[in-house]
């Protein structure tokens, strides 16, 4: 009898030790003792929510949920950890249960600034109530926009229900193209599992940039390579793939990428210099969005 092949464990939830799995895996798991659960809706709180490989504070961060982002809550353990999945790319990880909230949550504002803050009142000297990033979700608060020293302040509700104020400019529509937007992340610190301008890893950068222009990508570099159409000659905006790594082609042989060599987002030229030469030798292909 052939054992069924399980879907990708990064996106489909099961724990053979606890004998628990999400209901969608019922056809794939045989034998007695399995308990199947249906995910419930939740969302990340007002702080970026770290998702880890194991329910331990020192476990590697695998990704993070931005403030207000939707989550699937699968199960919790007795130690205060919740097994969750990010709704936008279905990526699994363990998060502190006190960092997420159950629905209802109906955000109607999206932060478009790379980094921003929410304040306790409509003035830049007021205390900061939250660190925000591109893609964070907020709800419009009650009351009118306040103009202060030519600045326009919008009342908002942070995930979790706290009232705050943000400047209207951080909610403005994007006014740049993909490559210009991407280069705005130059020198952003490298952070394993990071998905924001407070810290990025390689696939977090490419996923964030593509997603900003209506091109949703999976989370990891190998998933992104499998998702995109392979091409031989790179054009600006194509992705370049290496073992466990990905970057964005800017034109010619220039590559923008978040990397742990420089511990920040940098531009390299494939085939030039010590690092560029190593990248060129490790290049496994290019991928293009053709959806």
Protein backbone atom coordinates (compact mmCIF):
# COMPACT_ATOMS: atom_id res chain seq x y z
CA UNK A 1 0.00 0.00 0.00
CA UNK A 2 1.39 3.38 -1.01
CA UNK A 3 1.61 6.02 1.70
CA UNK A 4 -0.12 9.22 0.57
CA UNK A 5 2.21 12.11 -0.15
CA UNK A 6 1.49 15.00 2.19
CA UNK A 7 1.28 18.55 0.82
CA UNK A 8 4.01 21.06 1.66
CA UNK A 9 4.42 21.16 5.45
CA UNK A 10 5.13 24.90 5.25
CA UNK A 11 1.52 25.55 4.23
CA UNK A 12 -0.47 22.49 5.43
CA UNK A 13 -0.76 21.93 9.18
CA UNK A 14 -0.20 18.61 10.90
CA UNK A 15 1.63 17.38 14.01
CA UNK A 16 2.29 13.62 14.05
CA UNK A 17 3.34 13.71 17.71
CA UNK A 18 0.16 15.39 18.88
CA UNK A 19 -1.83 13.49 16.21
CA UNK A 20 -3.57 16.70 15.19
CA UNK A 21 -4.04 18.15 11.71
CA UNK A 22 -6.18 20.60 9.83
CA UNK A 23 -9.32 19.16 8.32
CA UNK A 24 -8.05 19.64 4.74
CA UNK A 25 -5.49 16.87 5.37
CA UNK A 26 -8.09 14.26 6.31
CA UNK A 27 -7.76 12.43 2.94
CA UNK A 28 -3.98 12.25 3.33
CA UNK A 29 -3.71 10.88 6.88
CA UNK A 30 -4.71 7.35 7.77
CA UNK A 31 -4.65 5.36 10.96
CA UNK A 32 -6.36 5.78 14.31
CA UNK A 33 -6.07 8.63 16.75
CA UNK A 34 -5.92 11.63 14.44
CA UNK A 35 -7.88 14.71 15.50
CA UNK A 36 -8.84 17.12 12.74
CA UNK A 37 -9.52 20.81 13.30
CA UNK A 38 -11.02 23.60 11.24
CA UNK A 39 -9.01 26.84 11.29
CA UNK A 40 -10.62 29.87 12.93
CA UNK A 41 -10.12 33.45 11.84
CA UNK A 42 -7.78 35.74 13.74
CA UNK A 43 -5.46 38.66 13.03
CA UNK A 44 -2.09 39.94 14.17
CA UNK A 45 -2.09 42.62 16.85
CA UNK A 46 -0.63 46.11 16.74
CA UNK A 47 2.95 44.81 16.70
CA UNK A 48 4.63 42.67 14.08
CA UNK A 49 3.98 39.06 15.05
CA UNK A 50 6.92 36.68 14.86
CA UNK A 51 6.12 33.18 13.58
CA UNK A 52 8.68 30.62 14.72
CA UNK A 53 9.64 27.12 13.68
CA UNK A 54 8.82 25.72 17.13
CA UNK A 55 6.86 26.97 20.15
CA UNK A 56 9.99 28.26 21.85
CA UNK A 57 11.27 31.85 22.20
CA UNK A 58 14.69 30.90 20.84
CA UNK A 59 13.35 29.01 17.80
CA UNK A 60 14.13 30.44 14.37
CA UNK A 61 11.72 32.98 12.99
CA UNK A 62 10.24 31.60 9.77
CA UNK A 63 8.14 34.64 8.83
CA UNK A 64 6.17 37.41 10.47
CA UNK A 65 2.64 38.78 10.28
CA UNK A 66 2.29 42.52 9.95
CA UNK A 67 -0.09 44.49 12.17
CA UNK A 68 -3.71 43.67 11.36
CA UNK A 69 -2.94 40.92 8.84
CA UNK A 70 -5.39 38.02 8.71
CA UNK A 71 -4.39 34.66 10.17
CA UNK A 72 -5.77 31.15 10.43
CA UNK A 73 -5.63 29.97 14.03
CA UNK A 74 -5.16 26.20 14.06
CA UNK A 75 -4.44 25.18 17.65
CA UNK A 76 -2.78 26.34 20.86
CA UNK A 77 -0.60 24.62 23.43
CA UNK A 78 -0.50 24.94 27.19
CA UNK A 79 2.56 27.20 27.06
CA UNK A 80 0.78 30.16 25.47
CA UNK A 81 1.81 29.45 21.88
CA UNK A 82 -0.57 29.32 18.91
CA UNK A 83 -0.01 27.48 15.64
CA UNK A 84 -1.12 29.91 12.94
CA UNK A 85 -1.03 30.41 9.20
CA UNK A 86 -0.73 33.74 7.40
CA UNK A 87 -3.78 34.17 5.17
CA UNK A 88 -2.06 35.95 2.29
CA UNK A 89 0.50 33.22 1.54
CA UNK A 90 -0.65 30.31 3.77
CA UNK A 91 2.66 30.08 5.66
CA UNK A 92 2.71 28.27 8.99
CA UNK A 93 4.48 29.05 12.24
CA UNK A 94 4.18 29.24 16.02
CA UNK A 95 3.34 32.65 17.51
CA UNK A 96 2.72 33.90 21.00
CA UNK A 97 -1.03 33.63 21.52
CA UNK A 98 -1.18 37.01 23.27
CA UNK A 99 0.08 38.67 20.07
CA UNK A 100 -2.99 37.80 18.02
CA UNK A 101 -6.69 38.54 18.27
CA UNK A 102 -9.86 36.75 17.26
CA UNK A 103 -12.19 38.30 14.73
CA UNK A 104 -14.21 40.41 14.15
CA UNK A 105 -11.79 42.81 12.52
CA UNK A 106 -12.71 44.87 9.48
CA UNK A 107 -9.73 47.02 8.51
CA UNK A 108 -10.37 49.52 5.76
CA UNK A 109 -6.99 51.28 5.63
CA UNK A 110 -3.63 49.97 4.40
CA UNK A 111 -0.30 51.53 5.26
CA UNK A 112 1.69 52.38 2.12
CA UNK A 113 4.74 53.96 3.78
CA UNK A 114 7.71 51.62 4.11
CA UNK A 115 7.92 52.43 7.82
CA UNK A 116 5.65 54.58 9.96
CA UNK A 117 4.36 55.18 13.47
CA UNK A 118 0.94 55.51 15.03
CA UNK A 119 0.65 58.19 17.72
CA UNK A 120 -1.46 58.69 20.82
CA UNK A 121 -2.68 62.03 19.49
CA UNK A 122 -2.59 64.22 16.36
CA UNK A 123 0.86 65.67 16.99
CA UNK A 124 4.36 64.39 16.28
CA UNK A 125 5.42 64.95 19.91
CA UNK A 126 2.73 62.57 21.18
CA UNK A 127 3.78 59.09 22.42
CA UNK A 128 4.15 56.39 19.78
CA UNK A 129 1.57 53.64 20.08
CA UNK A 130 2.69 51.30 17.30
CA UNK A 131 5.38 50.70 14.70
CA UNK A 132 3.76 50.23 11.29
CA UNK A 133 5.04 49.05 7.94
CA UNK A 134 3.93 48.77 4.34
CA UNK A 135 0.95 46.43 4.21
CA UNK A 136 -0.19 46.88 7.82
CA UNK A 137 -3.99 47.04 8.17
CA UNK A 138 -5.86 49.62 10.23
CA UNK A 139 -9.48 50.63 10.73
CA UNK A 140 -10.70 54.20 10.33
CA UNK A 141 -11.54 55.68 13.71
CA UNK A 142 -14.43 57.96 14.52
CA UNK A 143 -14.03 61.69 14.16
CA UNK A 144 -12.72 64.10 11.57
CA UNK A 145 -9.25 64.52 10.13
CA UNK A 146 -7.26 67.03 12.17
CA UNK A 147 -4.96 69.54 10.50
CA UNK A 148 -1.95 70.50 12.60
CA UNK A 149 0.87 72.66 11.23
CA UNK A 150 -0.10 71.68 7.64
CA UNK A 151 -0.12 67.98 8.60
CA UNK A 152 -3.29 65.96 8.19
CA UNK A 153 -3.94 63.46 10.97
CA UNK A 154 -6.35 60.54 10.57
CA UNK A 155 -7.97 58.86 13.59
CA UNK A 156 -7.52 55.09 13.40
CA UNK A 157 -8.13 51.96 15.41
CA UNK A 158 -5.13 49.69 15.77
CA UNK A 159 -5.49 45.91 15.63
CA UNK A 160 -6.64 44.94 19.10
CA UNK A 161 -8.84 48.02 19.48
CA UNK A 162 -6.53 50.82 20.64
CA UNK A 163 -7.29 54.32 19.33
CA UNK A 164 -4.43 56.13 17.60
CA UNK A 165 -3.58 58.74 14.99
CA UNK A 166 -1.53 58.51 11.80
CA UNK A 167 -0.58 61.09 9.25
CA UNK A 168 -2.62 60.82 6.06
CA UNK A 169 0.55 60.70 3.97
CA UNK A 170 1.36 57.16 5.18
CA UNK A 171 -1.88 55.96 3.59
CA UNK A 172 -1.39 57.64 0.20
CA UNK A 173 -1.52 55.48 -2.95
CA UNK A 174 1.83 54.34 -4.35
CA UNK A 175 3.15 56.74 -6.96
CA UNK A 176 6.17 54.78 -8.21
CA UNK A 177 6.87 51.82 -10.45
CA UNK A 178 8.02 48.43 -9.19
CA UNK A 179 11.75 48.99 -9.61
CA UNK A 180 11.70 52.44 -8.01
CA UNK A 181 9.66 51.13 -5.11
CA UNK A 182 12.04 48.18 -4.66
CA UNK A 183 15.13 50.39 -4.57
CA UNK A 184 13.56 52.37 -1.74
CA UNK A 185 14.43 49.39 0.48
CA UNK A 186 18.18 49.81 -0.05
CA UNK A 187 20.08 49.49 3.24
CA UNK A 188 17.10 47.95 5.06
CA UNK A 189 18.61 45.65 7.72
CA UNK A 190 18.68 41.95 6.96
CA UNK A 191 16.51 39.84 9.26
CA UNK A 192 15.78 36.13 8.84
CA UNK A 193 12.04 35.74 8.35
CA UNK A 194 11.52 39.51 8.05
CA UNK A 195 8.77 40.97 5.89
CA UNK A 196 8.98 44.71 6.42
CA UNK A 197 11.27 47.72 6.14
CA UNK A 198 12.15 47.18 9.82
CA UNK A 199 13.96 44.01 8.65
CA UNK A 200 13.84 41.80 5.53
CA UNK A 201 15.13 38.50 4.27
CA UNK A 202 15.67 37.79 0.59
CA UNK A 203 12.29 36.26 -0.26
CA UNK A 204 10.52 38.65 2.09
CA UNK A 205 11.82 41.53 -0.05
CA UNK A 206 10.77 40.03 -3.37
CA UNK A 207 7.38 38.95 -2.01
CA UNK A 208 6.74 42.42 -0.56
CA UNK A 209 7.74 44.25 -3.76
CA UNK A 210 5.78 41.99 -6.10
CA UNK A 211 2.76 42.03 -3.80
CA UNK A 212 2.70 45.84 -3.80
CA UNK A 213 1.94 45.70 -7.52
CA UNK A 214 -0.68 42.97 -7.48
CA UNK A 215 1.69 40.05 -8.00
CA UNK A 216 1.24 37.74 -4.98
CA UNK A 217 4.15 35.35 -4.46
CA UNK A 218 4.68 32.41 -2.08
CA UNK A 219 6.93 32.99 0.93
CA UNK A 220 10.20 31.12 0.26
CA UNK A 221 12.72 31.41 -2.57
CA UNK A 222 12.21 27.85 -3.82
CA UNK A 223 8.43 28.33 -3.80
CA UNK A 224 8.80 31.57 -5.75
CA UNK A 225 11.03 29.89 -8.32
CA UNK A 226 8.50 27.10 -8.82
CA UNK A 227 5.67 29.63 -9.11
CA UNK A 228 7.21 31.92 -11.75
CA UNK A 229 7.84 31.15 -15.41
CA UNK A 230 11.50 30.20 -16.06
CA UNK A 231 13.29 32.46 -18.55
CA UNK A 232 16.81 32.45 -19.95
CA UNK A 233 17.52 36.14 -20.40
CA UNK A 234 16.58 38.37 -17.48
CA UNK A 235 14.64 41.58 -17.90
CA UNK A 236 14.29 44.33 -15.28
CA UNK A 237 11.80 43.11 -12.68
CA UNK A 238 12.54 39.40 -13.14
CA UNK A 239 13.73 37.40 -10.16
CA UNK A 240 17.12 35.67 -10.03
CA UNK A 241 17.42 32.43 -8.07
CA UNK A 242 20.29 30.80 -6.24
CA UNK A 243 20.39 27.90 -3.74
CA UNK A 244 18.23 29.21 -0.87
CA UNK A 245 18.34 32.77 -2.17
CA UNK A 246 16.51 35.18 -4.49
CA UNK A 247 16.99 38.72 -5.75
CA UNK A 248 15.36 41.23 -8.10
CA UNK A 249 17.00 42.10 -11.41
CA UNK A 250 17.27 45.86 -12.01
CA UNK A 251 18.63 45.72 -15.56
CA UNK A 252 21.74 44.33 -17.15
CA UNK A 253 23.43 42.19 -14.50
CA UNK A 254 22.47 44.39 -11.52
CA UNK A 255 20.69 42.59 -8.70
CA UNK A 256 18.87 44.02 -5.69
CA UNK A 257 18.70 41.61 -2.76
CA UNK A 258 18.46 41.32 1.00
CA UNK A 259 21.52 39.38 2.09
CA UNK A 260 23.36 38.25 5.19
CA UNK A 261 26.77 38.98 3.64
CA UNK A 262 26.28 42.73 4.03
CA UNK A 263 23.42 42.31 6.56
CA UNK A 264 21.25 44.70 4.55
CA UNK A 265 19.61 45.22 1.17
CA UNK A 266 22.29 45.93 -1.43
CA UNK A 267 22.86 45.99 -5.18
CA UNK A 268 25.36 43.59 -6.71
CA UNK A 269 26.49 43.12 -10.30
CA UNK A 270 26.54 39.47 -11.27
CA UNK A 271 30.03 38.41 -12.21
CA UNK A 272 31.78 41.47 -10.72
CA UNK A 273 33.75 41.51 -7.49
CA UNK A 274 34.14 38.63 -5.06
CA UNK A 275 30.47 38.47 -4.05
CA UNK A 276 29.10 39.10 -7.53
CA UNK A 277 31.32 36.35 -8.92
CA UNK A 278 30.05 33.90 -6.30
CA UNK A 279 26.47 34.82 -7.09
CA UNK A 280 27.03 34.35 -10.81
CA UNK A 281 28.49 30.87 -10.27
CA UNK A 282 25.56 29.88 -8.04
CA UNK A 283 22.84 31.27 -10.31
CA UNK A 284 20.19 28.61 -10.94
CA UNK A 285 17.85 30.58 -13.20
CA UNK A 286 15.52 33.51 -13.65
CA UNK A 287 11.77 33.70 -13.14
CA UNK A 288 9.21 36.02 -14.71
CA UNK A 289 5.67 36.99 -13.77
CA UNK A 290 3.46 35.95 -16.71
CA UNK A 291 0.09 35.56 -14.98
